Amino acid sequence: MKLLCLALLLLPLPLSAAWQAGVAKADITPAEPVPLAGYGGKTRMSQRVEHPIWLKALALKDDTGATSVLVTADLVGLSDKMIAVIAKAALEKHGIPRERLILNTSHNHSCPVTEDVLWLYYEFTPEEAAVKDRYTASVYAKYEEVIGAALTSLAPADLAFEQGLAGVAVNRRRSRGPESRSLGGQVDQDVPVITVKSGSDLKAIVFGYSCHTTALGGLSINGDYAGFAQLELEKSFPGSVAMFVQNCGGDANPLPRIRGKDKDTEATDLARMYGNILAEGVRQVVANKMTPLNGPIRAAMGETELLLQPGIPLAELKERLPNLTGMPKREFEHFICQYETLGSPPDRVKYPVQVWRFGTGFQFIALTGETVVDYSLKFKASYGWNSTWVFGYNNDLTSYIPSLRVLKEGGYEGITGMFEYGHRAPYTETVEELITTKVGELMQQVR
């Protein structure tokens, strides 16, 4: 008997965790015409609703008692200010620590403007600003509501993971004229999928893709191709909640696309088709064998600083300012103000990273900002093509996050897109190295 007891003590502990999962969704469709986000230029006011837009939350509690929450949103992004408000409420009202709260946005370009996201893009009238503020207040309330509802619905569940493919994404850097055809055409067309089941009931489908949600650009509220994909999946699996996670789509578009005609049914039909293609990729994954996910979830969060190249001198900014209008003028005024109040525009940008490790065989790597595809391909190659899910568009929208390759190639995602985010210049060539180092540190913490 003593030998038997000793043998039992020496046996390895089981790897699986008894999951509890809860899922909820909250409608964030505006009740009045609102300023539309996503594209620079003259403020666009919404004229109709193509389909509702949503916040969706998945709460996971493992057998250590730790609870983690993923929230997805049909929004263009969040700001530091919004993250602080949402995370503070999640901690104070529900006890969810920051490292166990992932806030992802689809980067939808057919949603309302919120708070100070992409603030240099817009020049509001007082009435438009008031509409934006009312809508933002409702979104804060909905985040609190959806997180609370997901936690309230926690119940025993099984989780599984697998990946499919969808051919919607095209590297958009090659589509900007004859001179761009020589640029790299890297894309990540993997469709990672997690299912959450309670017995035979499918409670939630979490799926992702690396591609801008820019199939549409008219005056309607909608979730773009990602919204159509979610609708299609919830139709295919009644009673389930389909959650779209934007991966590393900073340099990818759904192409071809039709732009410029707001009520062009061909444009909407094309966006719907892209959503249906993505949904079919998910359906094929769900229909086949998937790998069970074990727990517990080990969560870590850290921050690095991305360094910026020198900005435009103050004298040159002032000399060029009188010849500018619109967003470029607001950008230069912003930099001049930084010189006058701070001494110079900041030389670095804070960059949070989150990692969730499920048991010993699977991980989320959640990056910040408009991350280009190289990061997804790189980290999956480093940590497991079949066991790693990399997504950007978490935390503050921040800026485009180029790889060293994209930075050296130049262009919008590497160079010229930085001003519209209020940053004085492109990143230095240390950008990819700094992010890679921080991801490595966090992966060590959760292993």
Protein backbone atom coordinates (compact mmCIF):
# COMPACT_ATOMS: atom_id res chain seq x y z
CA MET A 1 0.00 0.00 0.00
CA LYS A 2 2.83 2.42 0.87
CA LEU A 3 4.47 1.70 -2.48
CA LEU A 4 1.18 2.30 -4.28
CA CYS A 5 0.66 5.64 -2.51
CA LEU A 6 4.22 6.66 -3.31
CA ALA A 7 3.72 5.73 -6.95
CA LEU A 8 0.56 7.80 -7.12
CA LEU A 9 2.36 10.79 -5.65
CA LEU A 10 5.07 10.49 -8.29
CA LEU A 11 2.61 10.47 -11.17
CA PRO A 12 2.55 13.74 -13.19
CA LEU A 13 -0.31 16.07 -12.47
CA PRO A 14 -3.06 16.11 -15.13
CA LEU A 15 -2.64 18.83 -17.74
CA SER A 16 -6.31 19.49 -18.36
CA ALA A 17 -8.41 22.04 -16.55
CA ALA A 18 -12.13 21.92 -15.92
CA TRP A 19 -13.17 24.99 -17.85
CA GLN A 20 -16.04 27.26 -17.05
CA ALA A 21 -16.96 29.58 -19.88
CA GLY A 22 -19.42 32.41 -20.32
CA VAL A 23 -20.25 34.37 -23.44
CA ALA A 24 -22.31 37.48 -24.04
CA LYS A 25 -22.88 40.16 -26.65
CA ALA A 26 -24.10 43.76 -26.52
CA ASP A 27 -25.53 45.75 -29.41
CA ILE A 28 -23.59 49.00 -29.96
CA THR A 29 -25.47 50.17 -33.04
CA PRO A 30 -25.98 53.94 -32.70
CA ALA A 31 -29.50 55.23 -32.24
CA GLU A 32 -28.88 58.45 -34.20
CA PRO A 33 -26.70 59.63 -37.10
CA VAL A 34 -23.06 59.67 -35.92
CA PRO A 35 -19.65 60.69 -37.26
CA LEU A 36 -18.11 57.68 -39.00
CA ALA A 37 -14.61 56.46 -38.21
CA GLY A 38 -11.82 54.98 -40.22
CA TYR A 39 -11.16 57.31 -43.13
CA GLY A 40 -9.56 60.74 -43.05
CA GLY A 41 -10.99 63.81 -44.74
CA LYS A 42 -14.30 65.58 -44.28
CA THR A 43 -16.38 64.21 -41.41
CA ARG A 44 -18.82 61.58 -42.67
CA MET A 45 -22.18 61.28 -40.90
CA SER A 46 -23.97 57.93 -41.00
CA GLN A 47 -27.20 57.74 -42.99
CA ARG A 48 -28.44 54.21 -42.32
CA VAL A 49 -27.67 50.86 -40.68
CA GLU A 50 -26.65 47.99 -42.96
CA HIS A 51 -26.56 45.60 -40.01
CA PRO A 52 -26.01 45.94 -36.25
CA ILE A 53 -22.55 46.17 -34.71
CA TRP A 54 -21.53 44.48 -31.46
CA LEU A 55 -19.32 44.04 -28.46
CA LYS A 56 -18.82 40.37 -27.59
CA ALA A 57 -17.12 38.86 -24.55
CA LEU A 58 -15.81 35.41 -23.69
CA ALA A 59 -15.00 34.73 -20.03
CA LEU A 60 -12.88 31.69 -19.15
CA LYS A 61 -12.38 30.35 -15.63
CA ASP A 62 -9.92 27.49 -15.14
CA ASP A 63 -9.57 25.09 -12.21
CA THR A 64 -7.12 27.40 -10.43
CA GLY A 65 -10.00 29.86 -10.06
CA ALA A 66 -8.38 32.45 -12.34
CA THR A 67 -10.76 34.20 -14.73
CA SER A 68 -9.70 35.72 -18.07
CA VAL A 69 -11.84 37.75 -20.46
CA LEU A 70 -11.51 38.40 -24.20
CA VAL A 71 -13.67 41.20 -25.61
CA THR A 72 -14.05 41.81 -29.34
CA ALA A 73 -15.57 44.93 -30.88
CA ASP A 74 -16.85 46.07 -34.27
CA LEU A 75 -14.93 49.33 -33.75
CA VAL A 76 -12.00 50.93 -35.55
CA GLY A 77 -9.92 50.92 -32.37
CA LEU A 78 -9.55 52.07 -28.79
CA SER A 79 -7.39 54.76 -27.22
CA ASP A 80 -5.32 54.79 -24.03
CA LYS A 81 -8.10 56.81 -22.40
CA MET A 82 -10.75 54.26 -23.37
CA ILE A 83 -8.59 51.31 -22.31
CA ALA A 84 -8.05 52.90 -18.89
CA VAL A 85 -11.78 53.41 -18.32
CA ILE A 86 -12.75 49.89 -19.46
CA ALA A 87 -9.95 48.12 -17.59
CA LYS A 88 -10.58 50.08 -14.38
CA ALA A 89 -14.25 49.04 -14.38
CA ALA A 90 -13.35 45.40 -15.12
CA LEU A 91 -10.95 45.32 -12.17
CA GLU A 92 -13.06 47.22 -9.66
CA LYS A 93 -16.43 45.66 -10.47
CA HIS A 94 -15.41 42.16 -11.56
CA GLY A 95 -11.90 41.58 -10.21
CA ILE A 96 -10.36 41.03 -13.67
CA PRO A 97 -6.67 42.08 -13.58
CA ARG A 98 -5.27 43.91 -16.56
CA GLU A 99 -3.16 41.03 -17.83
CA ARG A 100 -6.28 38.84 -17.98
CA LEU A 101 -8.31 41.29 -20.04
CA ILE A 102 -7.69 41.35 -23.80
CA LEU A 103 -9.51 44.12 -25.70
CA ASN A 104 -9.47 43.52 -29.46
CA THR A 105 -11.12 45.59 -32.18
CA SER A 106 -11.86 44.49 -35.73
CA HIS A 107 -10.59 47.87 -37.04
CA ASN A 108 -13.97 48.34 -38.67
CA HIS A 109 -14.09 51.41 -40.93
CA SER A 110 -17.91 51.61 -40.94
CA CYS A 111 -18.46 52.35 -37.25
CA PRO A 112 -18.91 55.51 -35.17
CA VAL A 113 -16.04 57.65 -33.93
CA THR A 114 -15.39 57.15 -30.22
CA GLU A 115 -13.62 59.34 -27.65
CA ASP A 116 -10.16 60.42 -28.93
CA VAL A 117 -9.42 57.52 -31.29
CA LEU A 118 -7.65 58.79 -34.44
CA TRP A 119 -8.38 62.28 -33.16
CA LEU A 120 -6.26 64.03 -35.78
CA TYR A 121 -8.48 62.62 -38.51
CA TYR A 122 -11.54 64.66 -37.63
CA GLU A 123 -12.66 68.26 -37.32
CA PHE A 124 -16.07 68.23 -35.64
CA THR A 125 -18.70 70.88 -35.34
CA PRO A 126 -19.96 71.29 -31.74
CA GLU A 127 -23.06 69.28 -32.64
CA GLU A 128 -21.00 66.45 -34.14
CA ALA A 129 -18.72 66.40 -31.10
CA ALA A 130 -21.75 66.11 -28.81
CA VAL A 131 -23.07 63.15 -30.82
CA LYS A 132 -19.65 61.48 -30.61
CA ASP A 133 -19.53 62.00 -26.84
CA ARG A 134 -23.01 60.57 -26.32
CA TYR A 135 -22.13 57.50 -28.32
CA THR A 136 -18.84 57.05 -26.46
CA ALA A 137 -20.65 57.10 -23.12
CA SER A 138 -22.97 54.36 -24.34
CA VAL A 139 -20.01 52.25 -25.47
CA TYR A 140 -18.38 52.48 -22.04
CA ALA A 141 -21.62 51.26 -20.47
CA LYS A 142 -21.87 48.40 -22.98
CA TYR A 143 -18.32 47.22 -22.22
CA GLU A 144 -19.19 47.01 -18.55
CA GLU A 145 -22.46 45.27 -19.39
CA VAL A 146 -21.01 42.65 -21.74
CA ILE A 147 -18.12 41.73 -19.44
CA GLY A 148 -20.51 41.36 -16.51
CA ALA A 149 -22.93 39.25 -18.55
CA ALA A 150 -20.17 36.90 -19.73
CA LEU A 151 -19.00 36.40 -16.14
CA THR A 152 -22.55 35.82 -14.90
CA SER A 153 -23.07 33.08 -17.50
CA LEU A 154 -19.99 31.01 -16.55
CA ALA A 155 -20.79 27.29 -16.81
CA PRO A 156 -18.84 24.04 -17.46
CA ALA A 157 -17.47 23.94 -21.00
CA ASP A 158 -14.95 22.34 -23.35
CA LEU A 159 -12.59 24.30 -25.55
CA ALA A 160 -10.95 23.21 -28.80
CA PHE A 161 -8.68 24.84 -31.40
CA GLU A 162 -7.82 24.35 -35.05
CA GLN A 163 -7.06 26.43 -38.13
CA GLY A 164 -8.47 26.78 -41.61
CA LEU A 165 -7.69 29.00 -44.57
CA ALA A 166 -9.43 31.79 -46.48
CA GLY A 167 -8.20 33.61 -49.57
CA VAL A 168 -9.59 37.10 -48.93
CA ALA A 169 -6.49 39.04 -47.82
CA VAL A 170 -4.14 40.65 -50.35
CA ASN A 171 -1.01 42.56 -49.37
CA ARG A 172 -2.22 46.04 -50.20
CA ARG A 173 1.26 47.54 -50.42
CA ARG A 174 1.52 45.98 -53.90
CA SER A 175 -1.65 47.73 -55.09
CA ARG A 176 -0.45 51.34 -55.06
CA GLY A 177 0.75 51.78 -58.59
CA PRO A 178 3.33 50.22 -60.93
CA GLU A 179 6.27 51.13 -58.66
CA SER A 180 4.81 49.05 -55.80
CA ARG A 181 4.51 45.75 -57.69
CA SER A 182 8.00 44.75 -56.61
CA LEU A 183 7.16 44.90 -52.90
CA GLY A 184 6.72 41.73 -50.90
CA GLY A 185 3.28 40.14 -51.11
CA GLN A 186 3.28 38.46 -47.71
CA VAL A 187 -0.11 37.60 -46.24
CA ASP A 188 -1.34 35.31 -43.48
CA GLN A 189 -4.47 33.54 -44.69
CA ASP A 190 -4.78 31.23 -41.68
CA VAL A 191 -8.19 31.23 -39.99
CA PRO A 192 -7.63 30.30 -36.33
CA VAL A 193 -10.76 29.02 -34.58
CA ILE A 194 -11.66 28.23 -30.97
CA THR A 195 -14.95 26.55 -30.18
CA VAL A 196 -16.60 26.68 -26.77
CA LYS A 197 -19.05 23.84 -26.14
CA SER A 198 -21.32 22.93 -23.26
CA GLY A 199 -22.04 19.28 -23.88
CA SER A 200 -23.21 19.15 -27.50
CA ASP A 201 -24.24 22.83 -27.52
CA LEU A 202 -21.90 25.22 -29.32
CA LYS A 203 -21.82 28.34 -27.15
CA ALA A 204 -19.18 30.39 -28.93
CA ILE A 205 -16.97 30.44 -32.00
CA VAL A 206 -13.92 32.68 -31.76
CA PHE A 207 -12.21 33.15 -35.13
CA GLY A 208 -9.62 35.45 -36.60
CA TYR A 209 -8.11 36.75 -39.80
CA SER A 210 -5.31 39.10 -40.84
CA CYS A 211 -6.96 41.69 -43.08
CA HIS A 212 -8.19 45.28 -42.85
CA THR A 213 -11.96 45.64 -42.56
CA THR A 214 -12.09 48.08 -45.45
CA ALA A 215 -14.27 46.37 -48.03
CA LEU A 216 -16.83 49.16 -47.52
CA GLY A 217 -16.47 52.89 -47.13
CA GLY A 218 -19.88 54.43 -47.53
CA LEU A 219 -22.24 56.10 -45.08
CA SER A 220 -23.81 53.05 -43.45
CA ILE A 221 -23.17 51.45 -40.07
CA ASN A 222 -21.97 47.86 -40.48
CA GLY A 223 -19.21 45.46 -39.46
CA ASP A 224 -17.68 45.16 -42.95
CA TYR A 225 -16.69 41.66 -44.11
CA ALA A 226 -16.01 40.60 -40.50
CA GLY A 227 -19.53 41.63 -39.54
CA PHE A 228 -21.03 39.65 -42.41
CA ALA A 229 -18.93 36.63 -41.40
CA GLN A 230 -20.22 36.79 -37.82
CA LEU A 231 -23.81 37.05 -39.00
CA GLU A 232 -23.36 34.08 -41.31
CA LEU A 233 -21.84 31.92 -38.57
CA GLU A 234 -24.55 32.76 -36.05
CA LYS A 235 -27.08 31.83 -38.71
CA SER A 236 -25.27 28.52 -39.35
CA PHE A 237 -24.96 27.73 -35.63
CA PRO A 238 -28.14 29.02 -33.94
CA GLY A 239 -27.69 29.90 -30.29
CA SER A 240 -23.94 30.50 -30.60
CA VAL A 241 -22.01 33.77 -30.42
CA ALA A 242 -19.46 34.33 -33.20
CA MET A 243 -16.54 36.57 -32.19
CA PHE A 244 -14.13 38.02 -34.76
CA VAL A 245 -10.54 38.73 -33.70
CA GLN A 246 -8.48 41.00 -35.94
CA ASN A 247 -5.04 39.48 -36.35
CA CYS A 248 -2.06 41.14 -38.04
CA GLY A 249 -3.78 42.80 -40.98
CA GLY A 250 -2.00 46.16 -40.98
CA ASP A 251 -0.77 45.73 -44.55
CA ALA A 252 -3.61 43.65 -46.03
CA ASN A 253 -6.91 44.58 -47.66
CA PRO A 254 -9.81 42.53 -49.00
CA LEU A 255 -9.21 42.94 -52.71
CA PRO A 256 -10.66 43.70 -55.15
CA ARG A 257 -13.09 46.16 -53.59
CA ILE A 258 -15.51 48.78 -54.86
CA ARG A 259 -15.27 52.24 -53.36
CA GLY A 260 -16.78 55.66 -53.89
CA LYS A 261 -20.49 54.93 -54.34
CA ASP A 262 -22.30 54.85 -51.02
CA LYS A 263 -25.37 52.93 -52.10
CA ASP A 264 -23.63 50.68 -54.61
CA THR A 265 -25.15 47.25 -53.98
CA GLU A 266 -22.22 45.65 -55.79
CA ALA A 267 -19.86 46.94 -53.08
CA THR A 268 -22.05 45.53 -50.31
CA ASP A 269 -22.47 42.25 -52.15
CA LEU A 270 -18.70 41.96 -52.50
CA ALA A 271 -18.15 42.62 -48.78
CA ARG A 272 -20.83 40.07 -47.95
CA MET A 273 -19.13 37.54 -50.23
CA TYR A 274 -15.82 38.04 -48.43
CA GLY A 275 -17.61 37.50 -45.13
CA ASN A 276 -19.22 34.32 -46.46
CA ILE A 277 -15.84 33.01 -47.66
CA LEU A 278 -14.35 33.58 -44.21
CA ALA A 279 -17.39 32.00 -42.54
CA GLU A 280 -17.06 28.93 -44.76
CA GLY A 281 -13.43 28.63 -43.72
CA VAL A 282 -14.60 28.59 -40.10
CA ARG A 283 -17.43 26.12 -40.80
CA GLN A 284 -15.00 23.66 -42.33
CA VAL A 285 -12.81 23.84 -39.22
CA VAL A 286 -15.76 23.29 -36.88
CA ALA A 287 -16.97 20.32 -38.95
CA ASN A 288 -13.68 18.47 -38.57
CA LYS A 289 -11.62 17.21 -35.65
CA MET A 290 -10.28 19.93 -33.39
CA THR A 291 -7.61 19.77 -30.67
CA PRO A 292 -8.90 20.12 -27.09
CA LEU A 293 -7.46 23.08 -25.18
CA ASN A 294 -6.21 22.44 -21.68
CA GLY A 295 -5.66 24.91 -18.89
CA PRO A 296 -4.86 26.71 -16.78
CA ILE A 297 -4.33 30.07 -18.48
CA ARG A 298 -1.08 31.70 -17.44
CA ALA A 299 -1.29 35.39 -18.29
CA ALA A 300 1.48 37.97 -18.55
CA MET A 301 1.58 41.56 -19.72
CA GLY A 302 4.54 43.85 -20.25
CA GLU A 303 5.53 47.03 -22.01
CA THR A 304 8.41 48.14 -24.16
CA GLU A 305 9.12 51.51 -25.77
CA LEU A 306 9.42 51.91 -29.52
CA LEU A 307 11.90 54.61 -30.51
CA LEU A 308 11.15 57.31 -33.09
CA GLN A 309 13.48 58.90 -35.59
CA PRO A 310 14.08 62.68 -35.30
CA GLY A 311 11.11 64.84 -36.23
CA ILE A 312 10.76 67.93 -38.39
CA PRO A 313 12.49 70.94 -36.79
CA LEU A 314 10.21 73.58 -35.25
CA ALA A 315 11.31 76.30 -37.70
CA GLU A 316 10.43 74.12 -40.69
CA LEU A 317 7.04 73.20 -39.20
CA LYS A 318 6.18 76.88 -38.80
CA GLU A 319 7.43 77.72 -42.28
CA ARG A 320 5.31 75.01 -43.93
CA LEU A 321 2.17 75.41 -41.80
CA PRO A 322 0.54 78.32 -43.75
CA ASN A 323 0.42 76.18 -46.90
CA LEU A 324 -1.43 73.28 -45.26
CA THR A 325 -5.12 72.51 -44.76
CA GLY A 326 -7.17 69.70 -43.24
CA MET A 327 -5.46 66.84 -41.44
CA PRO A 328 -1.87 67.79 -42.43
CA LYS A 329 -2.43 71.22 -40.89
CA ARG A 330 -3.74 69.64 -37.66
CA GLU A 331 -0.72 67.34 -37.56
CA PHE A 332 1.75 70.22 -37.87
CA GLU A 333 -0.14 72.28 -35.28
CA HIS A 334 0.08 69.27 -32.95
CA PHE A 335 3.86 69.00 -33.37
CA ILE A 336 4.34 72.74 -32.89
CA CYS A 337 2.29 72.54 -29.68
CA GLN A 338 4.52 69.71 -28.45
CA TYR A 339 7.62 71.79 -29.10
CA GLU A 340 6.13 74.71 -27.21
CA THR A 341 4.81 72.73 -24.23
CA LEU A 342 7.21 69.76 -23.95
CA GLY A 343 10.37 71.16 -25.51
CA SER A 344 10.09 68.72 -28.41
CA PRO A 345 7.75 65.98 -29.65
CA PRO A 346 8.26 62.71 -27.69
CA ASP A 347 10.97 60.41 -29.04
CA ARG A 348 9.29 57.12 -28.13
CA VAL A 349 5.94 55.33 -27.98
CA LYS A 350 4.89 52.90 -25.24
CA TYR A 351 3.99 49.46 -26.55
CA PRO A 352 2.09 46.91 -24.42
CA VAL A 353 2.17 43.17 -25.18
CA GLN A 354 0.01 40.41 -23.66
CA VAL A 355 0.49 36.64 -23.65
CA TRP A 356 -1.94 33.94 -22.54
CA ARG A 357 -0.60 30.40 -22.28
CA PHE A 358 -3.25 27.64 -22.28
CA GLY A 359 -1.84 24.61 -20.45
CA THR A 360 1.34 23.52 -22.19
CA GLY A 361 0.32 23.45 -25.82
CA PHE A 362 -1.24 26.72 -27.01
CA GLN A 363 -0.82 30.48 -26.67
CA PHE A 364 -2.26 33.85 -27.56
CA ILE A 365 0.23 36.59 -28.40
CA ALA A 366 -1.71 39.86 -28.30
CA LEU A 367 0.13 42.81 -29.83
CA THR A 368 -0.75 46.50 -29.90
CA GLY A 369 -1.60 48.69 -32.87
CA GLU A 370 -1.87 48.11 -36.62
CA THR A 371 0.60 45.24 -36.74
CA VAL A 372 1.82 44.11 -40.16
CA VAL A 373 1.72 40.47 -41.21
CA ASP A 374 5.43 39.77 -40.61
CA TYR A 375 4.82 39.62 -36.86
CA SER A 376 2.21 36.89 -37.18
CA LEU A 377 4.41 34.82 -39.46
CA LYS A 378 7.49 35.38 -37.30
CA PHE A 379 5.97 34.47 -33.95
CA LYS A 380 4.15 31.43 -35.30
CA ALA A 381 7.44 30.22 -36.76
CA SER A 382 9.14 30.82 -33.40
CA TYR A 383 6.52 29.37 -31.04
CA GLY A 384 4.52 26.93 -33.14
CA TRP A 385 2.62 27.21 -36.42
CA ASN A 386 -0.16 24.98 -35.11
CA SER A 387 -0.26 26.20 -31.51
CA THR A 388 0.14 29.99 -31.66
CA TRP A 389 -2.47 32.66 -32.38
CA VAL A 390 -1.00 36.12 -32.97
CA PHE A 391 -3.25 39.15 -33.11
CA GLY A 392 -2.75 42.89 -33.30
CA TYR A 393 -5.30 45.68 -32.78
CA ASN A 394 -5.33 45.31 -29.01
CA ASN A 395 -4.96 48.11 -26.45
CA ASP A 396 -4.40 51.61 -27.85
CA LEU A 397 -4.58 51.80 -31.66
CA THR A 398 -1.16 53.54 -31.39
CA SER A 399 -0.03 53.52 -35.06
CA TYR A 400 0.99 51.19 -37.82
CA ILE A 401 3.60 48.78 -36.45
CA PRO A 402 5.98 47.99 -39.30
CA SER A 403 8.45 45.15 -39.36
CA LEU A 404 12.03 46.00 -40.24
CA ARG A 405 11.29 44.88 -43.80
CA VAL A 406 8.30 47.21 -44.16
CA LEU A 407 10.17 50.07 -42.50
CA LYS A 408 13.02 49.75 -45.00
CA GLU A 409 10.60 49.48 -47.93
CA GLY A 410 8.96 52.73 -46.80
CA GLY A 411 5.50 53.75 -47.89
CA TYR A 412 2.37 54.34 -45.85
CA GLU A 413 2.58 51.54 -43.26
CA GLY A 414 6.29 52.12 -42.70
CA ILE A 415 6.77 55.87 -42.99
CA THR A 416 4.02 58.28 -44.00
CA GLY A 417 1.24 56.86 -41.81
CA MET A 418 2.95 57.94 -38.59
CA PHE A 419 1.96 61.63 -38.72
CA GLU A 420 -1.78 60.92 -38.63
CA TYR A 421 -1.26 59.12 -35.31
CA GLY A 422 0.46 62.16 -33.86
CA HIS A 423 3.98 60.69 -33.89
CA ARG A 424 6.81 62.94 -34.99
CA ALA A 425 8.51 60.48 -37.36
CA PRO A 426 8.82 56.79 -38.33
CA TYR A 427 10.19 54.24 -35.89
CA THR A 428 13.88 53.46 -35.80
CA GLU A 429 15.20 50.18 -37.17
CA THR A 430 15.02 48.69 -33.66
CA VAL A 431 11.20 48.40 -33.82
CA GLU A 432 10.95 44.69 -34.67
CA GLU A 433 13.80 43.74 -32.33
CA LEU A 434 12.21 45.53 -29.37
CA ILE A 435 8.84 43.84 -29.87
CA THR A 436 10.44 40.44 -30.42
CA THR A 437 12.45 40.77 -27.22
CA LYS A 438 9.39 41.71 -25.15
CA VAL A 439 7.35 38.82 -26.57
CA GLY A 440 10.23 36.45 -25.71
CA GLU A 441 10.36 37.73 -22.13
CA LEU A 442 6.63 37.25 -21.63
CA MET A 443 6.68 33.78 -23.18
CA GLN A 444 9.33 32.80 -20.65
CA GLN A 445 7.13 34.09 -17.83
CA VAL A 446 4.16 31.92 -18.79
CA ARG A 447 6.09 28.71 -19.50
